[in-house]
Amino acid sequence: MFIGATHRDRLARWYQTVLGLPVTNAATAKLGPTRWAAFDRETAGFGPTQPDYMVNYGVDDGRFARAMDREGNRFERWQPAPGR
């Protein structure tokens, strides 16, 4: 998962501090098979699009939350019901 950021390092620190992502000095994190990374918003690979999405972080502590990070990207913490 790649997130375009105006301030890449500050956003990566926010995800590390607030959500506990194991972010490295390169603003990346490994979460099982998933790779998370903050990139400069001006990186050519993102193109001229407006993000219209919400990232869902699966958790195992039963706590649901929907919020925005410090740059306005929407996300939620969610755990499926037992047996699902």
C-alpha atoms as a PDB file:
ATOM      1  CA  MET A   1       0.000   0.000   0.000  1.00  0.00           C
ATOM      2  CA  PHE A   2       1.459   3.339  -1.044  1.00  0.00           C
ATOM      3  CA  ILE A   3       0.323   6.688   0.345  1.00  0.00           C
ATOM      4  CA  GLY A   4       1.233   9.961  -1.339  1.00  0.00           C
ATOM      5  CA  ALA A   5       2.301  12.487   1.284  1.00  0.00           C
ATOM      6  CA  THR A   6       3.100  16.176   1.293  1.00  0.00           C
ATOM      7  CA  HIS A   7       5.492  15.563   4.221  1.00  0.00           C
ATOM      8  CA  ARG A   8       6.520  11.917   3.835  1.00  0.00           C
ATOM      9  CA  ASP A   9       8.676  11.564   6.952  1.00  0.00           C
ATOM     10  CA  ARG A  10       6.204  13.343   9.254  1.00  0.00           C
ATOM     11  CA  LEU A  11       3.332  11.220   7.947  1.00  0.00           C
ATOM     12  CA  ALA A  12       5.339   8.027   8.444  1.00  0.00           C
ATOM     13  CA  ARG A  13       6.141   9.061  12.042  1.00  0.00           C
ATOM     14  CA  TRP A  14       2.421   9.768  12.637  1.00  0.00           C
ATOM     15  CA  TYR A  15       1.485   6.247  11.503  1.00  0.00           C
ATOM     16  CA  GLN A  16       4.233   4.824  13.719  1.00  0.00           C
ATOM     17  CA  THR A  17       3.203   6.835  16.784  1.00  0.00           C
ATOM     18  CA  VAL A  18      -0.595   6.748  16.460  1.00  0.00           C
ATOM     19  CA  LEU A  19      -1.235   3.350  14.846  1.00  0.00           C
ATOM     20  CA  GLY A  20       1.926   1.539  15.902  1.00  0.00           C
ATOM     21  CA  LEU A  21       3.088   0.659  12.377  1.00  0.00           C
ATOM     22  CA  PRO A  22       6.674  -0.638  12.450  1.00  0.00           C
ATOM     23  CA  VAL A  23       7.918   2.159  10.160  1.00  0.00           C
ATOM     24  CA  THR A  24      11.605   2.216   9.189  1.00  0.00           C
ATOM     25  CA  ASN A  25      13.820   5.231   8.473  1.00  0.00           C
ATOM     26  CA  ALA A  26      12.882   4.781   4.796  1.00  0.00           C
ATOM     27  CA  ALA A  27       9.192   5.518   5.628  1.00  0.00           C
ATOM     28  CA  THR A  28       8.207   1.901   4.933  1.00  0.00           C
ATOM     29  CA  ALA A  29       6.738  -0.905   7.036  1.00  0.00           C
ATOM     30  CA  LYS A  30       6.303  -4.646   6.606  1.00  0.00           C
ATOM     31  CA  LEU A  31       2.980  -5.978   7.914  1.00  0.00           C
ATOM     32  CA  GLY A  32       2.915  -9.697   7.164  1.00  0.00           C
ATOM     33  CA  PRO A  33       2.590  -9.976   3.372  1.00  0.00           C
ATOM     34  CA  THR A  34       1.636  -6.291   3.094  1.00  0.00           C
ATOM     35  CA  ARG A  35       4.128  -3.510   2.488  1.00  0.00           C
ATOM     36  CA  TRP A  36       3.246   0.031   3.591  1.00  0.00           C
ATOM     37  CA  ALA A  37       5.126   3.075   2.331  1.00  0.00           C
ATOM     38  CA  ALA A  38       4.763   6.847   2.322  1.00  0.00           C
ATOM     39  CA  PHE A  39       5.975   8.525  -0.872  1.00  0.00           C
ATOM     40  CA  ASP A  40       6.297  12.151  -1.864  1.00  0.00           C
ATOM     41  CA  ARG A  41       2.938  13.192  -3.329  1.00  0.00           C
ATOM     42  CA  GLU A  42       4.730  14.539  -6.407  1.00  0.00           C
ATOM     43  CA  THR A  43       6.115  11.084  -7.303  1.00  0.00           C
ATOM     44  CA  ALA A  44       5.270  10.473 -10.984  1.00  0.00           C
ATOM     45  CA  GLY A  45       3.755   7.049 -10.284  1.00  0.00           C
ATOM     46  CA  PHE A  46       0.735   8.573  -8.540  1.00  0.00           C
ATOM     47  CA  GLY A  47      -0.324  10.612 -11.560  1.00  0.00           C
ATOM     48  CA  PRO A  48      -2.755  13.536 -11.387  1.00  0.00           C
ATOM     49  CA  THR A  49      -5.524  11.713  -9.489  1.00  0.00           C
ATOM     50  CA  GLN A  50      -7.450  12.726  -6.401  1.00  0.00           C
ATOM     51  CA  PRO A  51      -7.564   9.870  -3.894  1.00  0.00           C
ATOM     52  CA  ASP A  52     -11.105   8.603  -3.396  1.00  0.00           C
ATOM     53  CA  TYR A  53     -10.578   5.692  -1.038  1.00  0.00           C
ATOM     54  CA  MET A  54     -10.400   4.656   2.586  1.00  0.00           C
ATOM     55  CA  VAL A  55      -7.720   2.264   3.833  1.00  0.00           C
ATOM     56  CA  ASN A  56      -8.933  -0.527   6.130  1.00  0.00           C
ATOM     57  CA  TYR A  57      -6.412  -1.781   8.683  1.00  0.00           C
ATOM     58  CA  GLY A  58      -7.390  -5.177  10.073  1.00  0.00           C
ATOM     59  CA  VAL A  59      -6.817  -5.448  13.816  1.00  0.00           C
ATOM     60  CA  ASP A  60      -7.235  -8.161  16.411  1.00  0.00           C
ATOM     61  CA  ASP A  61      -8.072  -6.106  19.485  1.00  0.00           C
ATOM     62  CA  GLY A  62     -11.795  -5.698  18.724  1.00  0.00           C
ATOM     63  CA  ARG A  63     -11.618  -1.909  18.580  1.00  0.00           C
ATOM     64  CA  PHE A  64     -13.279  -0.189  15.619  1.00  0.00           C
ATOM     65  CA  ALA A  65     -12.373   3.363  14.622  1.00  0.00           C
ATOM     66  CA  ARG A  66     -12.723   5.544  11.548  1.00  0.00           C
ATOM     67  CA  ALA A  67     -10.459   8.594  11.297  1.00  0.00           C
ATOM     68  CA  MET A  68      -8.097  10.661   9.144  1.00  0.00           C
ATOM     69  CA  ASP A  69      -4.335  10.884   9.331  1.00  0.00           C
ATOM     70  CA  ARG A  70      -2.511  14.195   9.655  1.00  0.00           C
ATOM     71  CA  GLU A  71      -2.717  14.798   5.872  1.00  0.00           C
ATOM     72  CA  GLY A  72      -6.432  14.014   5.527  1.00  0.00           C
ATOM     73  CA  ASN A  73      -6.218  10.401   4.247  1.00  0.00           C
ATOM     74  CA  ARG A  74      -9.199   8.397   5.504  1.00  0.00           C
ATOM     75  CA  PHE A  75      -8.663   5.058   7.272  1.00  0.00           C
ATOM     76  CA  GLU A  76     -10.423   2.695   9.614  1.00  0.00           C
ATOM     77  CA  ARG A  77      -9.458  -0.009  12.102  1.00  0.00           C
ATOM     78  CA  TRP A  78     -11.719  -3.024  11.865  1.00  0.00           C
ATOM     79  CA  GLN A  79     -11.894  -6.591  13.107  1.00  0.00           C
ATOM     80  CA  PRO A  80     -14.236  -9.123  11.505  1.00  0.00           C
ATOM     81  CA  ALA A  81     -16.766 -10.929  13.683  1.00  0.00           C
ATOM     82  CA  PRO A  82     -15.612 -14.334  15.001  1.00  0.00           C
ATOM     83  CA  GLY A  83     -15.877 -17.048  12.368  1.00  0.00           C
ATOM     84  CA  ARG A  84     -15.819 -14.635   9.416  1.00  0.00           C
END
